[in-house]
Amino acid sequence: MKKTVWHSGPPPEIGWWPASYVRSIESIRWWDGVTWSQAAFPSDTAEEAAYVAKSDCGQQDAIEWTERWWV
């Protein structure tokens, strides 16, 4: 199994990324090029994920991201 590498700062492009305060790959957040959204999870519906994608999460600097596991 490949080790998960976490990064600080912005990801390379706009979109959904595994991003978390606690390094959880289940926590998916929308990066709009400036801010991270609240977290969405695999159990969320598409409507719930769309809703959280529009909401700012607050402590931007504390979030780390990792490579997309679904690509």
PDB file of N, CA and C in Angstrom:
ATOM      1  N   MET A   1       0.834  -1.179   0.000  1.00  0.00           N
ATOM      2  CA  MET A   1       0.000   0.000   0.000  1.00  0.00           C
ATOM      3  C   MET A   1       0.884   1.250   0.000  1.00  0.00           C
ATOM      4  N   LYS A   2       0.539   2.197  -0.843  1.00  0.00           N
ATOM      5  CA  LYS A   2       1.291   3.432  -0.966  1.00  0.00           C
ATOM      6  C   LYS A   2       0.989   4.364   0.209  1.00  0.00           C
ATOM      7  N   LYS A   3       2.019   5.002   0.766  1.00  0.00           N
ATOM      8  CA  LYS A   3       1.851   5.923   1.878  1.00  0.00           C
ATOM      9  C   LYS A   3       1.206   7.212   1.385  1.00  0.00           C
ATOM     10  N   THR A   4       0.243   7.707   2.142  1.00  0.00           N
ATOM     11  CA  THR A   4      -0.420   8.966   1.805  1.00  0.00           C
ATOM     12  C   THR A   4       0.480  10.128   2.187  1.00  0.00           C
ATOM     13  N   VAL A   5       0.714  11.016   1.243  1.00  0.00           N
ATOM     14  CA  VAL A   5       1.532  12.210   1.475  1.00  0.00           C
ATOM     15  C   VAL A   5       0.584  13.407   1.545  1.00  0.00           C
ATOM     16  N   TRP A   6       0.643  14.154   2.631  1.00  0.00           N
ATOM     17  CA  TRP A   6      -0.206  15.320   2.833  1.00  0.00           C
ATOM     18  C   TRP A   6       0.569  16.600   2.551  1.00  0.00           C
ATOM     19  N   HIS A   7      -0.118  17.589   1.983  1.00  0.00           N
ATOM     20  CA  HIS A   7       0.496  18.860   1.597  1.00  0.00           C
ATOM     21  C   HIS A   7      -0.242  20.020   2.255  1.00  0.00           C
ATOM     22  N   SER A   8       0.503  21.078   2.555  1.00  0.00           N
ATOM     23  CA  SER A   8      -0.127  22.313   3.001  1.00  0.00           C
ATOM     24  C   SER A   8      -0.154  23.274   1.816  1.00  0.00           C
ATOM     25  N   GLY A   9      -0.865  24.355   1.965  1.00  0.00           N
ATOM     26  CA  GLY A   9      -0.974  25.321   0.877  1.00  0.00           C
ATOM     27  C   GLY A   9      -2.019  24.886  -0.133  1.00  0.00           C
ATOM     28  N   PRO A  10      -2.141  25.629  -1.215  1.00  0.00           N
ATOM     29  CA  PRO A  10      -3.175  25.327  -2.201  1.00  0.00           C
ATOM     30  C   PRO A  10      -2.825  24.123  -3.072  1.00  0.00           C
ATOM     31  N   PRO A  11      -3.840  23.369  -3.496  1.00  0.00           N
ATOM     32  CA  PRO A  11      -3.594  22.280  -4.439  1.00  0.00           C
ATOM     33  C   PRO A  11      -3.340  22.862  -5.844  1.00  0.00           C
ATOM     34  N   PRO A  12      -2.927  22.034  -6.792  1.00  0.00           N
ATOM     35  CA  PRO A  12      -2.554  22.544  -8.111  1.00  0.00           C
ATOM     36  C   PRO A  12      -3.696  23.035  -8.992  1.00  0.00           C
ATOM     37  N   GLU A  13      -4.945  22.705  -8.649  1.00  0.00           N
ATOM     38  CA  GLU A  13      -6.061  23.162  -9.480  1.00  0.00           C
ATOM     39  C   GLU A  13      -7.363  23.199  -8.686  1.00  0.00           C
ATOM     40  N   ILE A  14      -8.330  23.908  -9.216  1.00  0.00           N
ATOM     41  CA  ILE A  14      -9.663  24.004  -8.630  1.00  0.00           C
ATOM     42  C   ILE A  14     -10.353  22.652  -8.721  1.00  0.00           C
ATOM     43  N   GLY A  15     -11.139  22.329  -7.701  1.00  0.00           N
ATOM     44  CA  GLY A  15     -11.915  21.086  -7.737  1.00  0.00           C
ATOM     45  C   GLY A  15     -12.009  20.419  -6.383  1.00  0.00           C
ATOM     46  N   TRP A  16     -12.538  19.188  -6.398  1.00  0.00           N
ATOM     47  CA  TRP A  16     -12.660  18.384  -5.179  1.00  0.00           C
ATOM     48  C   TRP A  16     -11.324  17.725  -4.862  1.00  0.00           C
ATOM     49  N   TRP A  17     -10.954  17.767  -3.575  1.00  0.00           N
ATOM     50  CA  TRP A  17      -9.706  17.172  -3.102  1.00  0.00           C
ATOM     51  C   TRP A  17      -9.935  16.496  -1.761  1.00  0.00           C
ATOM     52  N   PRO A  18      -9.221  15.396  -1.496  1.00  0.00           N
ATOM     53  CA  PRO A  18      -9.192  14.877  -0.135  1.00  0.00           C
ATOM     54  C   PRO A  18      -8.438  15.918   0.699  1.00  0.00           C
ATOM     55  N   ALA A  19      -9.130  16.558   1.619  1.00  0.00           N
ATOM     56  CA  ALA A  19      -8.519  17.641   2.395  1.00  0.00           C
ATOM     57  C   ALA A  19      -9.127  17.648   3.786  1.00  0.00           C
ATOM     58  N   SER A  20      -8.269  17.824   4.786  1.00  0.00           N
ATOM     59  CA  SER A  20      -8.729  17.609   6.148  1.00  0.00           C
ATOM     60  C   SER A  20      -7.855  18.324   7.159  1.00  0.00           C
ATOM     61  N   TYR A  21      -8.433  18.580   8.339  1.00  0.00           N
ATOM     62  CA  TYR A  21      -7.670  19.061   9.490  1.00  0.00           C
ATOM     63  C   TYR A  21      -6.911  17.902  10.136  1.00  0.00           C
ATOM     64  N   VAL A  22      -7.468  16.680  10.018  1.00  0.00           N
ATOM     65  CA  VAL A  22      -6.929  15.511  10.730  1.00  0.00           C
ATOM     66  C   VAL A  22      -6.422  14.413   9.791  1.00  0.00           C
ATOM     67  N   ARG A  23      -6.142  14.773   8.537  1.00  0.00           N
ATOM     68  CA  ARG A  23      -5.594  13.848   7.547  1.00  0.00           C
ATOM     69  C   ARG A  23      -6.498  12.652   7.271  1.00  0.00           C
ATOM     70  N   SER A  24      -7.777  12.916   7.137  1.00  0.00           N
ATOM     71  CA  SER A  24      -8.735  11.878   6.786  1.00  0.00           C
ATOM     72  C   SER A  24      -8.982  11.892   5.282  1.00  0.00           C
ATOM     73  N   ILE A  25      -8.668  10.793   4.594  1.00  0.00           N
ATOM     74  CA  ILE A  25      -8.895  10.747   3.145  1.00  0.00           C
ATOM     75  C   ILE A  25     -10.384  10.661   2.807  1.00  0.00           C
ATOM     76  N   GLU A  26     -11.225  10.414   3.805  1.00  0.00           N
ATOM     77  CA  GLU A  26     -12.673  10.381   3.593  1.00  0.00           C
ATOM     78  C   GLU A  26     -13.267  11.788   3.531  1.00  0.00           C
ATOM     79  N   SER A  27     -12.550  12.775   3.992  1.00  0.00           N
ATOM     80  CA  SER A  27     -13.008  14.164   4.009  1.00  0.00           C
ATOM     81  C   SER A  27     -12.648  14.810   2.674  1.00  0.00           C
ATOM     82  N   ILE A  28     -13.668  15.128   1.891  1.00  0.00           N
ATOM     83  CA  ILE A  28     -13.468  15.721   0.568  1.00  0.00           C
ATOM     84  C   ILE A  28     -13.932  17.173   0.629  1.00  0.00           C
ATOM     85  N   ARG A  29     -13.101  18.091   0.133  1.00  0.00           N
ATOM     86  CA  ARG A  29     -13.446  19.514   0.151  1.00  0.00           C
ATOM     87  C   ARG A  29     -13.271  20.126  -1.235  1.00  0.00           C
ATOM     88  N   TRP A  30     -14.079  21.137  -1.519  1.00  0.00           N
ATOM     89  CA  TRP A  30     -13.977  21.877  -2.767  1.00  0.00           C
ATOM     90  C   TRP A  30     -12.978  23.005  -2.578  1.00  0.00           C
ATOM     91  N   TRP A  31     -12.000  23.075  -3.474  1.00  0.00           N
ATOM     92  CA  TRP A  31     -11.036  24.175  -3.509  1.00  0.00           C
ATOM     93  C   TRP A  31     -11.436  25.066  -4.661  1.00  0.00           C
ATOM     94  N   ASP A  32     -11.766  26.342  -4.370  1.00  0.00           N
ATOM     95  CA  ASP A  32     -12.234  27.251  -5.423  1.00  0.00           C
ATOM     96  C   ASP A  32     -11.125  28.136  -5.987  1.00  0.00           C
ATOM     97  N   GLY A  33      -9.908  27.854  -5.606  1.00  0.00           N
ATOM     98  CA  GLY A  33      -8.773  28.659  -6.039  1.00  0.00           C
ATOM     99  C   GLY A  33      -8.323  29.646  -4.977  1.00  0.00           C
ATOM    100  N   VAL A  34      -9.188  29.856  -3.955  1.00  0.00           N
ATOM    101  CA  VAL A  34      -8.883  30.780  -2.868  1.00  0.00           C
ATOM    102  C   VAL A  34      -9.151  30.155  -1.502  1.00  0.00           C
ATOM    103  N   THR A  35     -10.299  29.489  -1.356  1.00  0.00           N
ATOM    104  CA  THR A  35     -10.698  28.935  -0.067  1.00  0.00           C
ATOM    105  C   THR A  35     -11.171  27.493  -0.183  1.00  0.00           C
ATOM    106  N   TRP A  36     -11.084  26.787   0.946  1.00  0.00           N
ATOM    107  CA  TRP A  36     -11.621  25.434   1.075  1.00  0.00           C
ATOM    108  C   TRP A  36     -13.059  25.504   1.559  1.00  0.00           C
ATOM    109  N   SER A  37     -13.859  24.537   1.124  1.00  0.00           N
ATOM    110  CA  SER A  37     -15.237  24.429   1.597  1.00  0.00           C
ATOM    111  C   SER A  37     -15.294  23.618   2.881  1.00  0.00           C
ATOM    112  N   GLN A  38     -16.487  23.504   3.425  1.00  0.00           N
ATOM    113  CA  GLN A  38     -16.746  22.554   4.496  1.00  0.00           C
ATOM    114  C   GLN A  38     -16.498  21.159   3.922  1.00  0.00           C
ATOM    115  N   ALA A  39     -16.419  20.150   4.762  1.00  0.00           N
ATOM    116  CA  ALA A  39     -16.138  18.784   4.307  1.00  0.00           C
ATOM    117  C   ALA A  39     -17.398  18.062   3.852  1.00  0.00           C
ATOM    118  N   ALA A  40     -17.262  17.300   2.786  1.00  0.00           N
ATOM    119  CA  ALA A  40     -18.286  16.357   2.335  1.00  0.00           C
ATOM    120  C   ALA A  40     -17.687  14.961   2.513  1.00  0.00           C
ATOM    121  N   PHE A  41     -18.555  13.965   2.624  1.00  0.00           N
ATOM    122  CA  PHE A  41     -18.105  12.597   2.868  1.00  0.00           C
ATOM    123  C   PHE A  41     -18.786  11.641   1.904  1.00  0.00           C
ATOM    124  N   PRO A  42     -18.210  10.456   1.664  1.00  0.00           N
ATOM    125  CA  PRO A  42     -18.799   9.503   0.718  1.00  0.00           C
ATOM    126  C   PRO A  42     -20.261   9.163   1.021  1.00  0.00           C
ATOM    127  N   SER A  43     -20.666   9.253   2.259  1.00  0.00           N
ATOM    128  CA  SER A  43     -22.058   8.942   2.611  1.00  0.00           C
ATOM    129  C   SER A  43     -23.026  10.077   2.277  1.00  0.00           C
ATOM    130  N   ASP A  44     -22.505  11.255   1.937  1.00  0.00           N
ATOM    131  CA  ASP A  44     -23.365  12.399   1.595  1.00  0.00           C
ATOM    132  C   ASP A  44     -23.998  12.210   0.226  1.00  0.00           C
ATOM    133  N   THR A  45     -25.182  12.771   0.055  1.00  0.00           N
ATOM    134  CA  THR A  45     -25.828  12.776  -1.266  1.00  0.00           C
ATOM    135  C   THR A  45     -25.162  13.844  -2.127  1.00  0.00           C
ATOM    136  N   ALA A  46     -25.431  13.813  -3.405  1.00  0.00           N
ATOM    137  CA  ALA A  46     -24.897  14.838  -4.312  1.00  0.00           C
ATOM    138  C   ALA A  46     -25.394  16.221  -3.901  1.00  0.00           C
ATOM    139  N   GLU A  47     -26.634  16.311  -3.454  1.00  0.00           N
ATOM    140  CA  GLU A  47     -27.197  17.584  -3.018  1.00  0.00           C
ATOM    141  C   GLU A  47     -26.476  18.109  -1.778  1.00  0.00           C
ATOM    142  N   GLU A  48     -26.188  17.224  -0.834  1.00  0.00           N
ATOM    143  CA  GLU A  48     -25.465  17.625   0.376  1.00  0.00           C
ATOM    144  C   GLU A  48     -24.053  18.089   0.030  1.00  0.00           C
ATOM    145  N   ALA A  49     -23.387  17.377  -0.862  1.00  0.00           N
ATOM    146  CA  ALA A  49     -22.031  17.766  -1.274  1.00  0.00           C
ATOM    147  C   ALA A  49     -22.046  19.121  -1.978  1.00  0.00           C
ATOM    148  N   ALA A  50     -23.043  19.350  -2.825  1.00  0.00           N
ATOM    149  CA  ALA A  50     -23.157  20.642  -3.513  1.00  0.00           C
ATOM    150  C   ALA A  50     -23.367  21.774  -2.513  1.00  0.00           C
ATOM    151  N   TYR A  51     -24.154  21.518  -1.484  1.00  0.00           N
ATOM    152  CA  TYR A  51     -24.407  22.529  -0.456  1.00  0.00           C
ATOM    153  C   TYR A  51     -23.120  22.883   0.283  1.00  0.00           C
ATOM    154  N   VAL A  52     -22.364  21.889   0.725  1.00  0.00           N
ATOM    155  CA  VAL A  52     -21.140  22.189   1.478  1.00  0.00           C
ATOM    156  C   VAL A  52     -20.064  22.804   0.593  1.00  0.00           C
ATOM    157  N   ALA A  53     -20.097  22.518  -0.705  1.00  0.00           N
ATOM    158  CA  ALA A  53     -19.107  23.108  -1.613  1.00  0.00           C
ATOM    159  C   ALA A  53     -19.214  24.622  -1.652  1.00  0.00           C
ATOM    160  N   LYS A  54     -20.381  25.140  -1.298  1.00  0.00           N
ATOM    161  CA  LYS A  54     -20.609  26.590  -1.318  1.00  0.00           C
ATOM    162  C   LYS A  54     -20.297  27.258   0.014  1.00  0.00           C
ATOM    163  N   SER A  55     -19.920  26.479   1.030  1.00  0.00           N
ATOM    164  CA  SER A  55     -19.716  27.051   2.364  1.00  0.00           C
ATOM    165  C   SER A  55     -18.247  27.028   2.768  1.00  0.00           C
ATOM    166  N   ASP A  56     -17.747  28.166   3.171  1.00  0.00           N
ATOM    167  CA  ASP A  56     -16.369  28.329   3.618  1.00  0.00           C
ATOM    168  C   ASP A  56     -16.165  27.600   4.943  1.00  0.00           C
ATOM    169  N   CYS A  57     -15.038  26.927   5.094  1.00  0.00           N
ATOM    170  CA  CYS A  57     -14.813  26.128   6.298  1.00  0.00           C
ATOM    171  C   CYS A  57     -14.215  26.894   7.458  1.00  0.00           C
ATOM    172  N   GLY A  58     -13.696  28.063   7.237  1.00  0.00           N
ATOM    173  CA  GLY A  58     -13.122  28.808   8.366  1.00  0.00           C
ATOM    174  C   GLY A  58     -11.605  28.764   8.380  1.00  0.00           C
ATOM    175  N   GLN A  59     -11.006  27.897   9.170  1.00  0.00           N
ATOM    176  CA  GLN A  59      -9.560  27.859   9.377  1.00  0.00           C
ATOM    177  C   GLN A  59      -8.830  27.279   8.158  1.00  0.00           C
ATOM    178  N   GLN A  60      -8.643  28.084   7.170  1.00  0.00           N
ATOM    179  CA  GLN A  60      -8.051  27.652   5.909  1.00  0.00           C
ATOM    180  C   GLN A  60      -6.629  27.115   6.054  1.00  0.00           C
ATOM    181  N   ASP A  61      -5.814  27.767   6.854  1.00  0.00           N
ATOM    182  CA  ASP A  61      -4.396  27.399   6.970  1.00  0.00           C
ATOM    183  C   ASP A  61      -4.169  26.043   7.627  1.00  0.00           C
ATOM    184  N   ALA A  62      -5.143  25.541   8.369  1.00  0.00           N
ATOM    185  CA  ALA A  62      -4.987  24.265   9.078  1.00  0.00           C
ATOM    186  C   ALA A  62      -5.299  23.058   8.192  1.00  0.00           C
ATOM    187  N   ILE A  63      -5.851  23.282   7.013  1.00  0.00           N
ATOM    188  CA  ILE A  63      -6.244  22.173   6.145  1.00  0.00           C
ATOM    189  C   ILE A  63      -5.070  21.706   5.303  1.00  0.00           C
ATOM    190  N   GLU A  64      -4.909  20.385   5.246  1.00  0.00           N
ATOM    191  CA  GLU A  64      -3.914  19.769   4.373  1.00  0.00           C
ATOM    192  C   GLU A  64      -4.667  18.954   3.324  1.00  0.00           C
ATOM    193  N   TRP A  65      -4.048  18.757   2.184  1.00  0.00           N
ATOM    194  CA  TRP A  65      -4.677  18.000   1.106  1.00  0.00           C
ATOM    195  C   TRP A  65      -3.736  16.910   0.623  1.00  0.00           C
ATOM    196  N   THR A  66      -4.303  15.919  -0.043  1.00  0.00           N
ATOM    197  CA  THR A  66      -3.512  14.844  -0.620  1.00  0.00           C
ATOM    198  C   THR A  66      -4.035  14.547  -2.024  1.00  0.00           C
ATOM    199  N   GLU A  67      -3.332  13.686  -2.727  1.00  0.00           N
ATOM    200  CA  GLU A  67      -3.717  13.357  -4.103  1.00  0.00           C
ATOM    201  C   GLU A  67      -5.105  12.734  -4.147  1.00  0.00           C
ATOM    202  N   ARG A  68      -5.790  12.972  -5.222  1.00  0.00           N
ATOM    203  CA  ARG A  68      -7.131  12.412  -5.420  1.00  0.00           C
ATOM    204  C   ARG A  68      -7.026  10.905  -5.579  1.00  0.00           C
ATOM    205  N   TRP A  69      -7.680  10.180  -4.698  1.00  0.00           N
ATOM    206  CA  TRP A  69      -7.638   8.708  -4.745  1.00  0.00           C
ATOM    207  C   TRP A  69      -8.549   8.148  -5.814  1.00  0.00           C
ATOM    208  N   TRP A  70      -9.431   8.937  -6.373  1.00  0.00           N
ATOM    209  CA  TRP A  70     -10.369   8.445  -7.379  1.00  0.00           C
ATOM    210  C   TRP A  70      -9.885   8.649  -8.805  1.00  0.00           C
ATOM    211  N   VAL A  71      -8.715   9.293  -8.968  1.00  0.00           N
ATOM    212  CA  VAL A  71      -8.171   9.525 -10.315  1.00  0.00           C
ATOM    213  C   VAL A  71      -7.234   8.389 -10.691  1.00  0.00           C
TER     214      VAL A  71
END
